[in-house]
Protein backbone atom coordinates (compact mmCIF):
# COMPACT_ATOMS: atom_id res chain seq x y z
CA MET A 1 -32.13 8.29 -65.37
CA ASN A 2 -31.66 11.84 -64.08
CA MET A 3 -34.46 11.36 -61.58
CA ILE A 4 -32.84 8.22 -60.15
CA VAL A 5 -29.48 9.97 -59.92
CA GLY A 6 -31.13 12.93 -58.20
CA ILE A 7 -32.80 10.67 -55.65
CA LEU A 8 -29.58 8.77 -54.96
CA ALA A 9 -27.59 12.01 -54.64
CA THR A 10 -30.16 13.34 -52.17
CA LEU A 11 -29.99 10.12 -50.15
CA ILE A 12 -26.20 10.34 -50.06
CA GLN A 13 -26.46 13.95 -48.90
CA TYR A 14 -28.87 12.98 -46.09
CA TYR A 15 -26.56 10.12 -45.11
CA SER A 16 -23.64 12.56 -45.00
CA PHE A 17 -25.63 14.78 -42.63
CA ALA A 18 -26.38 11.74 -40.44
CA LEU A 19 -22.65 10.94 -40.36
CA ILE A 20 -21.80 14.49 -39.36
CA ILE A 21 -24.33 14.44 -36.53
CA TYR A 22 -23.10 11.02 -35.38
CA ILE A 23 -19.48 12.15 -35.37
CA LEU A 24 -20.29 15.36 -33.50
CA MET A 25 -22.20 13.35 -30.90
CA SER A 26 -18.89 11.80 -29.85
CA TRP A 27 -17.90 15.17 -28.40
CA PHE A 28 -20.75 15.11 -25.89
CA PRO A 29 -20.79 12.59 -23.02
CA ASN A 30 -23.53 9.95 -23.17
CA SER A 31 -25.12 11.40 -26.30
CA ARG A 32 -24.63 8.16 -28.24
CA GLU A 33 -26.64 6.27 -25.62
CA THR A 34 -29.80 8.23 -26.45
CA GLY A 35 -32.38 6.91 -28.87
CA ILE A 36 -31.14 9.14 -31.67
CA GLY A 37 -27.55 8.16 -30.95
CA GLN A 38 -28.40 4.47 -31.10
CA PHE A 39 -30.33 4.94 -34.35
CA LEU A 40 -27.44 6.83 -35.92
CA ALA A 41 -25.01 4.16 -34.70
CA ARG A 42 -27.08 1.47 -36.43
CA ILE A 43 -26.97 3.28 -39.76
CA CYS A 44 -23.48 4.85 -39.57
CA GLU A 45 -21.27 2.24 -37.90
CA PRO A 46 -21.60 -0.41 -40.65
CA TYR A 47 -20.31 2.16 -43.16
CA LEU A 48 -17.55 3.57 -40.94
CA GLU A 49 -16.22 0.23 -39.69
CA PRO A 50 -14.29 -0.77 -42.86
CA PHE A 51 -12.60 2.64 -42.93
CA ARG A 52 -11.59 2.32 -39.28
CA ARG A 53 -9.92 -1.01 -40.04
CA PHE A 54 -7.74 0.41 -42.82
CA VAL A 55 -7.18 4.05 -41.87
CA PRO A 56 -4.94 4.45 -38.82
CA ALA A 57 -5.83 6.96 -36.14
CA LEU A 58 -3.53 9.93 -35.61
CA GLY A 59 -3.01 9.74 -31.89
CA MET A 60 -6.47 10.09 -30.40
CA ILE A 61 -7.97 11.52 -33.58
CA ASP A 62 -9.92 9.16 -35.84
CA ILE A 63 -9.55 10.37 -39.43
CA SER A 64 -11.49 7.51 -40.99
CA PRO A 65 -14.70 9.61 -41.26
CA ILE A 66 -12.82 12.03 -43.52
CA VAL A 67 -12.00 9.16 -45.87
CA ALA A 68 -15.60 7.95 -45.61
CA PHE A 69 -16.88 11.40 -46.65
CA PHE A 70 -14.42 11.44 -49.54
CA VAL A 71 -15.77 8.09 -50.77
CA LEU A 72 -19.35 9.40 -50.53
CA ARG A 73 -18.31 12.44 -52.54
CA LEU A 74 -16.71 10.21 -55.18
CA ALA A 75 -19.91 8.16 -55.35
CA THR A 76 -21.96 11.30 -55.90
CA GLY A 77 -19.59 12.47 -58.64
CA GLY A 78 -19.71 9.04 -60.26
CA LEU A 79 -23.51 9.11 -60.27
CA GLN A 80 -23.48 12.53 -61.87
CA GLN A 81 -21.09 11.32 -64.56
CA LEU A 82 -23.34 8.32 -65.26
CA ALA A 83 -26.30 10.65 -65.62
CA LEU A 84 -24.37 12.75 -68.12
CA TRP A 85 -23.19 9.69 -70.00
CA PHE A 86 -26.60 8.03 -70.27
CA GLY A 87 -28.77 11.00 -70.12
């Protein structure tokens, strides 16, 4: 069980890094039109879209990624608790 939790936690960490890179790409013109930008959009946008629907923007600042990171952190903590409970 600990091995599965470790793998899932690592995958969540990699996905968090992908989200960070994708969000930072919005600061640079045309960076999301590159191959890497399109790949990151395919894997990040489906996760970010529900948060964008429910979390309002503050002016021109989109705070939905902050909530998305918080949910990923909760998922990691929940996995760790499951590992302690079962393991």
